[in-house]
Amino acid sequence: MRPELVFLLEEASAKAMLETLLPRVLNPHVHHRLIPFEGKQDLEKQLERKLRGYLNPDARFLVMRDQDSHADCKALKAGLLARCEAAGKGKVSLVRIACRELESFYLADLAAVESALNIQGLSKHQETAKYRDPDRLGSPSAELGELTRGRYQKVGGSRMLGSRLSLENARSPSFVNLIRGIKRLEQQLLSL
């Protein structure tokens, strides 16, 4: 079996974003698979079973979920890691939490939103207090919807934005951690 990087994702919008982001991040020799679930409950319910049933011994796993209203990001991550451990895949799995929502990544790069959705003038808002640290916003998806006057649609918008997000953008620490995690797993796969 060939080495592969398997993404276990909360929802289709994360898959759409990664479909266009990963070709810019991953070495072309690293095969990847994107498995979306139907929300966080579905992900948590099926995660252990999916991991346990995954037969490729050379697979690495990245579990990605939104924090949403969960009060403790570290506890949420620990719970998902415990499920990976219970499935026997703890040593080959990483968990990444999008602080609060996936849309935090987009609000951290308003130039990408402006370009992807063809809305002039969005990037000028980047240095306002709320967009300098979008991981702290309570509802990034609502904020993005308002900012784009409803032009942002979760799946289609995510697909367009994945190809435009700056990989060096550090305004969203959870995005930075996602990219670092992908690169770490990529290095493990390339060394097999």
C-alpha atoms as a PDB file:
ATOM      1  CA  MET A   1       0.000   0.000   0.000  1.00  0.00           C
ATOM      2  CA  ARG A   2       1.229   3.484  -0.747  1.00  0.00           C
ATOM      3  CA  PRO A   3       1.660   6.079   1.996  1.00  0.00           C
ATOM      4  CA  GLU A   4      -1.202   8.532   2.215  1.00  0.00           C
ATOM      5  CA  LEU A   5      -2.388  11.481   4.256  1.00  0.00           C
ATOM      6  CA  VAL A   6      -6.002  11.028   5.315  1.00  0.00           C
ATOM      7  CA  PHE A   7      -8.058  14.025   6.429  1.00  0.00           C
ATOM      8  CA  LEU A   8     -11.088  13.322   8.609  1.00  0.00           C
ATOM      9  CA  LEU A   9     -13.168  16.489   8.410  1.00  0.00           C
ATOM     10  CA  GLU A  10     -16.189  17.828  10.215  1.00  0.00           C
ATOM     11  CA  GLU A  11     -17.970  18.958   7.066  1.00  0.00           C
ATOM     12  CA  ALA A  12     -17.974  19.427   3.307  1.00  0.00           C
ATOM     13  CA  SER A  13     -16.748  23.038   3.465  1.00  0.00           C
ATOM     14  CA  ALA A  14     -13.439  21.897   5.002  1.00  0.00           C
ATOM     15  CA  LYS A  15     -13.103  19.353   2.195  1.00  0.00           C
ATOM     16  CA  ALA A  16     -13.811  22.039  -0.420  1.00  0.00           C
ATOM     17  CA  MET A  17     -11.159  24.341   1.062  1.00  0.00           C
ATOM     18  CA  LEU A  18      -8.539  21.582   1.286  1.00  0.00           C
ATOM     19  CA  GLU A  19      -9.211  20.400  -2.294  1.00  0.00           C
ATOM     20  CA  THR A  20      -7.791  23.669  -3.581  1.00  0.00           C
ATOM     21  CA  LEU A  21      -5.318  24.381  -0.755  1.00  0.00           C
ATOM     22  CA  LEU A  22      -3.480  21.035  -0.619  1.00  0.00           C
ATOM     23  CA  PRO A  23      -2.021  21.150  -4.145  1.00  0.00           C
ATOM     24  CA  ARG A  24      -0.170  24.295  -3.021  1.00  0.00           C
ATOM     25  CA  VAL A  25       1.011  22.734   0.260  1.00  0.00           C
ATOM     26  CA  LEU A  26       1.760  19.062  -0.343  1.00  0.00           C
ATOM     27  CA  ASN A  27       4.577  17.457  -2.267  1.00  0.00           C
ATOM     28  CA  PRO A  28       2.989  15.950  -5.407  1.00  0.00           C
ATOM     29  CA  HIS A  29       4.296  12.520  -4.349  1.00  0.00           C
ATOM     30  CA  VAL A  30       2.124  12.558  -1.214  1.00  0.00           C
ATOM     31  CA  HIS A  31      -1.254  10.970  -1.908  1.00  0.00           C
ATOM     32  CA  HIS A  32      -4.112  12.356   0.162  1.00  0.00           C
ATOM     33  CA  ARG A  33      -7.728  11.475   0.850  1.00  0.00           C
ATOM     34  CA  LEU A  34     -10.429  13.813   2.179  1.00  0.00           C
ATOM     35  CA  ILE A  35     -13.231  12.242   4.215  1.00  0.00           C
ATOM     36  CA  PRO A  36     -15.947  14.707   5.255  1.00  0.00           C
ATOM     37  CA  PHE A  37     -18.535  13.920   7.901  1.00  0.00           C
ATOM     38  CA  GLU A  38     -21.967  15.451   8.375  1.00  0.00           C
ATOM     39  CA  GLY A  39     -21.090  17.721  11.264  1.00  0.00           C
ATOM     40  CA  LYS A  40     -19.181  17.465  14.512  1.00  0.00           C
ATOM     41  CA  GLN A  41     -21.484  14.890  16.138  1.00  0.00           C
ATOM     42  CA  ASP A  42     -21.148  12.593  13.128  1.00  0.00           C
ATOM     43  CA  LEU A  43     -17.350  13.019  13.165  1.00  0.00           C
ATOM     44  CA  GLU A  44     -17.115  12.222  16.868  1.00  0.00           C
ATOM     45  CA  LYS A  45     -19.535   9.300  16.600  1.00  0.00           C
ATOM     46  CA  GLN A  46     -17.738   7.624  13.681  1.00  0.00           C
ATOM     47  CA  LEU A  47     -14.106   8.684  14.186  1.00  0.00           C
ATOM     48  CA  GLU A  48     -12.937   5.654  16.156  1.00  0.00           C
ATOM     49  CA  ARG A  49     -14.611   3.183  13.803  1.00  0.00           C
ATOM     50  CA  LYS A  50     -13.232   4.897  10.666  1.00  0.00           C
ATOM     51  CA  LEU A  51      -9.705   4.962  12.059  1.00  0.00           C
ATOM     52  CA  ARG A  52      -9.815   1.386  13.313  1.00  0.00           C
ATOM     53  CA  GLY A  53     -11.103   0.167   9.951  1.00  0.00           C
ATOM     54  CA  TYR A  54      -8.476   2.006   7.922  1.00  0.00           C
ATOM     55  CA  LEU A  55      -6.170  -0.773   6.777  1.00  0.00           C
ATOM     56  CA  ASN A  56      -3.253   1.125   5.216  1.00  0.00           C
ATOM     57  CA  PRO A  57      -0.367   0.797   7.724  1.00  0.00           C
ATOM     58  CA  ASP A  58       1.434   3.680   5.985  1.00  0.00           C
ATOM     59  CA  ALA A  59      -1.412   6.178   6.441  1.00  0.00           C
ATOM     60  CA  ARG A  60      -1.178   9.314   8.556  1.00  0.00           C
ATOM     61  CA  PHE A  61      -4.329  11.007   9.799  1.00  0.00           C
ATOM     62  CA  LEU A  62      -5.298  14.614  10.377  1.00  0.00           C
ATOM     63  CA  VAL A  63      -8.592  15.181  12.167  1.00  0.00           C
ATOM     64  CA  MET A  64     -10.019  18.674  11.718  1.00  0.00           C
ATOM     65  CA  ARG A  65     -12.969  20.141  13.546  1.00  0.00           C
ATOM     66  CA  ASP A  66     -14.348  23.592  14.379  1.00  0.00           C
ATOM     67  CA  GLN A  67     -14.243  24.714  17.994  1.00  0.00           C
ATOM     68  CA  ASP A  68     -17.649  26.376  17.639  1.00  0.00           C
ATOM     69  CA  SER A  69     -19.029  27.195  21.087  1.00  0.00           C
ATOM     70  CA  HIS A  70     -16.942  24.599  22.939  1.00  0.00           C
ATOM     71  CA  ALA A  71     -15.425  26.480  25.879  1.00  0.00           C
ATOM     72  CA  ASP A  72     -12.081  24.671  26.060  1.00  0.00           C
ATOM     73  CA  CYS A  73     -10.159  24.152  22.819  1.00  0.00           C
ATOM     74  CA  LYS A  74      -7.505  22.020  24.539  1.00  0.00           C
ATOM     75  CA  ALA A  75     -10.092  19.709  26.100  1.00  0.00           C
ATOM     76  CA  LEU A  76     -11.815  19.338  22.728  1.00  0.00           C
ATOM     77  CA  LYS A  77      -8.519  18.413  21.082  1.00  0.00           C
ATOM     78  CA  ALA A  78      -7.649  15.999  23.904  1.00  0.00           C
ATOM     79  CA  GLY A  79     -11.000  14.254  23.494  1.00  0.00           C
ATOM     80  CA  LEU A  80     -10.449  13.737  19.780  1.00  0.00           C
ATOM     81  CA  LEU A  81      -6.891  12.535  20.385  1.00  0.00           C
ATOM     82  CA  ALA A  82      -8.243  10.037  22.927  1.00  0.00           C
ATOM     83  CA  ARG A  83     -10.541   8.637  20.231  1.00  0.00           C
ATOM     84  CA  CYS A  84      -7.532   8.309  17.899  1.00  0.00           C
ATOM     85  CA  GLU A  85      -5.639   6.470  20.659  1.00  0.00           C
ATOM     86  CA  ALA A  86      -8.608   4.185  21.333  1.00  0.00           C
ATOM     87  CA  ALA A  87      -8.634   3.274  17.637  1.00  0.00           C
ATOM     88  CA  GLY A  88      -4.932   2.373  17.811  1.00  0.00           C
ATOM     89  CA  LYS A  89      -3.919   5.278  15.575  1.00  0.00           C
ATOM     90  CA  GLY A  90      -2.738   7.801  18.168  1.00  0.00           C
ATOM     91  CA  LYS A  91       0.901   7.723  17.081  1.00  0.00           C
ATOM     92  CA  VAL A  92       0.025   8.463  13.442  1.00  0.00           C
ATOM     93  CA  SER A  93      -2.700  11.063  14.024  1.00  0.00           C
ATOM     94  CA  LEU A  94      -2.876  14.804  14.563  1.00  0.00           C
ATOM     95  CA  VAL A  95      -5.895  16.845  15.577  1.00  0.00           C
ATOM     96  CA  ARG A  96      -6.377  20.414  14.446  1.00  0.00           C
ATOM     97  CA  ILE A  97      -9.108  22.693  15.750  1.00  0.00           C
ATOM     98  CA  ALA A  98     -10.295  25.714  13.767  1.00  0.00           C
ATOM     99  CA  CYS A  99     -10.746  28.366  16.442  1.00  0.00           C
ATOM    100  CA  ARG A 100     -14.044  29.104  16.377  1.00  0.00           C
ATOM    101  CA  GLU A 101     -14.845  28.162  12.792  1.00  0.00           C
ATOM    102  CA  LEU A 102     -13.184  27.485   9.446  1.00  0.00           C
ATOM    103  CA  GLU A 103     -14.193  31.000   8.412  1.00  0.00           C
ATOM    104  CA  SER A 104     -11.597  32.387  10.859  1.00  0.00           C
ATOM    105  CA  PHE A 105      -8.983  31.291   8.319  1.00  0.00           C
ATOM    106  CA  TYR A 106     -10.708  33.395   5.670  1.00  0.00           C
ATOM    107  CA  LEU A 107     -11.155  36.458   7.861  1.00  0.00           C
ATOM    108  CA  ALA A 108      -7.424  36.322   8.536  1.00  0.00           C
ATOM    109  CA  ASP A 109      -6.808  36.851   4.811  1.00  0.00           C
ATOM    110  CA  LEU A 110      -9.292  39.411   3.512  1.00  0.00           C
ATOM    111  CA  ALA A 111      -7.173  39.921   0.368  1.00  0.00           C
ATOM    112  CA  ALA A 112      -7.961  36.286  -0.513  1.00  0.00           C
ATOM    113  CA  VAL A 113     -11.673  36.828   0.198  1.00  0.00           C
ATOM    114  CA  GLU A 114     -11.631  39.989  -1.936  1.00  0.00           C
ATOM    115  CA  SER A 115      -9.975  38.123  -4.808  1.00  0.00           C
ATOM    116  CA  ALA A 116     -12.027  34.922  -4.572  1.00  0.00           C
ATOM    117  CA  LEU A 117     -15.406  36.615  -4.316  1.00  0.00           C
ATOM    118  CA  ASN A 118     -14.496  39.588  -6.523  1.00  0.00           C
ATOM    119  CA  ILE A 119     -15.513  42.161  -3.899  1.00  0.00           C
ATOM    120  CA  GLN A 120     -13.474  45.335  -3.998  1.00  0.00           C
ATOM    121  CA  GLY A 121     -12.251  46.985  -0.809  1.00  0.00           C
ATOM    122  CA  LEU A 122     -12.398  44.102   1.691  1.00  0.00           C
ATOM    123  CA  SER A 123      -8.663  43.966   2.314  1.00  0.00           C
ATOM    124  CA  LYS A 124      -8.672  47.516   3.719  1.00  0.00           C
ATOM    125  CA  HIS A 125     -10.488  46.128   6.788  1.00  0.00           C
ATOM    126  CA  GLN A 126      -7.653  43.697   7.620  1.00  0.00           C
ATOM    127  CA  GLU A 127      -5.928  45.986  10.110  1.00  0.00           C
ATOM    128  CA  THR A 128      -9.057  46.744  12.118  1.00  0.00           C
ATOM    129  CA  ALA A 129      -9.014  45.149  15.570  1.00  0.00           C
ATOM    130  CA  LYS A 130     -11.518  42.358  14.855  1.00  0.00           C
ATOM    131  CA  TYR A 131      -9.706  41.080  11.746  1.00  0.00           C
ATOM    132  CA  ARG A 132      -6.185  41.179  13.164  1.00  0.00           C
ATOM    133  CA  ASP A 133      -7.037  38.194  15.383  1.00  0.00           C
ATOM    134  CA  PRO A 134     -10.102  36.493  13.872  1.00  0.00           C
ATOM    135  CA  ASP A 135      -9.676  33.323  15.956  1.00  0.00           C
ATOM    136  CA  ARG A 136     -11.218  35.320  18.816  1.00  0.00           C
ATOM    137  CA  LEU A 137     -14.453  36.186  17.001  1.00  0.00           C
ATOM    138  CA  GLY A 138     -17.589  34.498  18.335  1.00  0.00           C
ATOM    139  CA  SER A 139     -19.148  33.685  14.963  1.00  0.00           C
ATOM    140  CA  PRO A 140     -16.711  34.033  12.068  1.00  0.00           C
ATOM    141  CA  SER A 141     -19.200  32.594   9.563  1.00  0.00           C
ATOM    142  CA  ALA A 142     -21.801  35.241  10.454  1.00  0.00           C
ATOM    143  CA  GLU A 143     -19.115  37.922  10.331  1.00  0.00           C
ATOM    144  CA  LEU A 144     -17.943  36.754   6.899  1.00  0.00           C
ATOM    145  CA  GLY A 145     -21.524  36.618   5.618  1.00  0.00           C
ATOM    146  CA  GLU A 146     -22.120  40.167   6.780  1.00  0.00           C
ATOM    147  CA  LEU A 147     -18.809  41.466   5.457  1.00  0.00           C
ATOM    148  CA  THR A 148     -19.452  39.952   2.015  1.00  0.00           C
ATOM    149  CA  ARG A 149     -23.153  40.924   2.035  1.00  0.00           C
ATOM    150  CA  GLY A 150     -24.147  37.274   1.672  1.00  0.00           C
ATOM    151  CA  ARG A 151     -21.882  36.488  -1.275  1.00  0.00           C
ATOM    152  CA  TYR A 152     -19.837  33.980   0.736  1.00  0.00           C
ATOM    153  CA  GLN A 153     -21.406  30.521   0.538  1.00  0.00           C
ATOM    154  CA  LYS A 154     -19.901  27.842   2.772  1.00  0.00           C
ATOM    155  CA  VAL A 155     -18.874  25.143   0.271  1.00  0.00           C
ATOM    156  CA  GLY A 156     -18.424  27.166  -2.924  1.00  0.00           C
ATOM    157  CA  GLY A 157     -16.687  29.992  -1.092  1.00  0.00           C
ATOM    158  CA  SER A 158     -14.392  27.569   0.714  1.00  0.00           C
ATOM    159  CA  ARG A 159     -13.396  25.958  -2.584  1.00  0.00           C
ATOM    160  CA  MET A 160     -12.513  29.351  -4.109  1.00  0.00           C
ATOM    161  CA  LEU A 161     -10.675  30.532  -1.000  1.00  0.00           C
ATOM    162  CA  GLY A 162      -8.483  27.450  -0.596  1.00  0.00           C
ATOM    163  CA  SER A 163      -6.652  28.324  -3.789  1.00  0.00           C
ATOM    164  CA  ARG A 164      -6.026  31.895  -2.659  1.00  0.00           C
ATOM    165  CA  LEU A 165      -5.237  31.777   1.061  1.00  0.00           C
ATOM    166  CA  SER A 166      -1.750  32.972   1.843  1.00  0.00           C
ATOM    167  CA  LEU A 167       0.216  30.094   3.351  1.00  0.00           C
ATOM    168  CA  GLU A 168       2.379  32.591   5.248  1.00  0.00           C
ATOM    169  CA  ASN A 169      -0.551  34.408   6.860  1.00  0.00           C
ATOM    170  CA  ALA A 170      -0.101  34.295  10.642  1.00  0.00           C
ATOM    171  CA  ARG A 171      -3.246  36.201  11.737  1.00  0.00           C
ATOM    172  CA  SER A 172      -5.055  32.936  12.498  1.00  0.00           C
ATOM    173  CA  PRO A 173      -2.937  30.763  14.800  1.00  0.00           C
ATOM    174  CA  SER A 174      -5.261  27.819  14.133  1.00  0.00           C
ATOM    175  CA  PHE A 175      -4.562  28.133  10.369  1.00  0.00           C
ATOM    176  CA  VAL A 176      -0.818  28.302  11.059  1.00  0.00           C
ATOM    177  CA  ASN A 177      -1.116  25.136  13.181  1.00  0.00           C
ATOM    178  CA  LEU A 178      -3.069  23.381  10.430  1.00  0.00           C
ATOM    179  CA  ILE A 179      -0.382  24.125   7.833  1.00  0.00           C
ATOM    180  CA  ARG A 180       2.392  23.055  10.235  1.00  0.00           C
ATOM    181  CA  GLY A 181       0.537  19.824  11.002  1.00  0.00           C
ATOM    182  CA  ILE A 182       0.094  19.029   7.319  1.00  0.00           C
ATOM    183  CA  LYS A 183       3.801  19.669   6.691  1.00  0.00           C
ATOM    184  CA  ARG A 184       4.805  17.494   9.672  1.00  0.00           C
ATOM    185  CA  LEU A 185       2.717  14.560   8.445  1.00  0.00           C
ATOM    186  CA  GLU A 186       3.996  15.111   4.903  1.00  0.00           C
ATOM    187  CA  GLN A 187       7.596  14.773   6.146  1.00  0.00           C
ATOM    188  CA  GLN A 188       6.723  11.538   7.952  1.00  0.00           C
ATOM    189  CA  LEU A 189       5.186  10.125   4.763  1.00  0.00           C
ATOM    190  CA  LEU A 190       8.118  11.173   2.590  1.00  0.00           C
ATOM    191  CA  SER A 191      10.524   9.404   4.943  1.00  0.00           C
ATOM    192  CA  LEU A 192       8.729   6.040   4.690  1.00  0.00           C
END
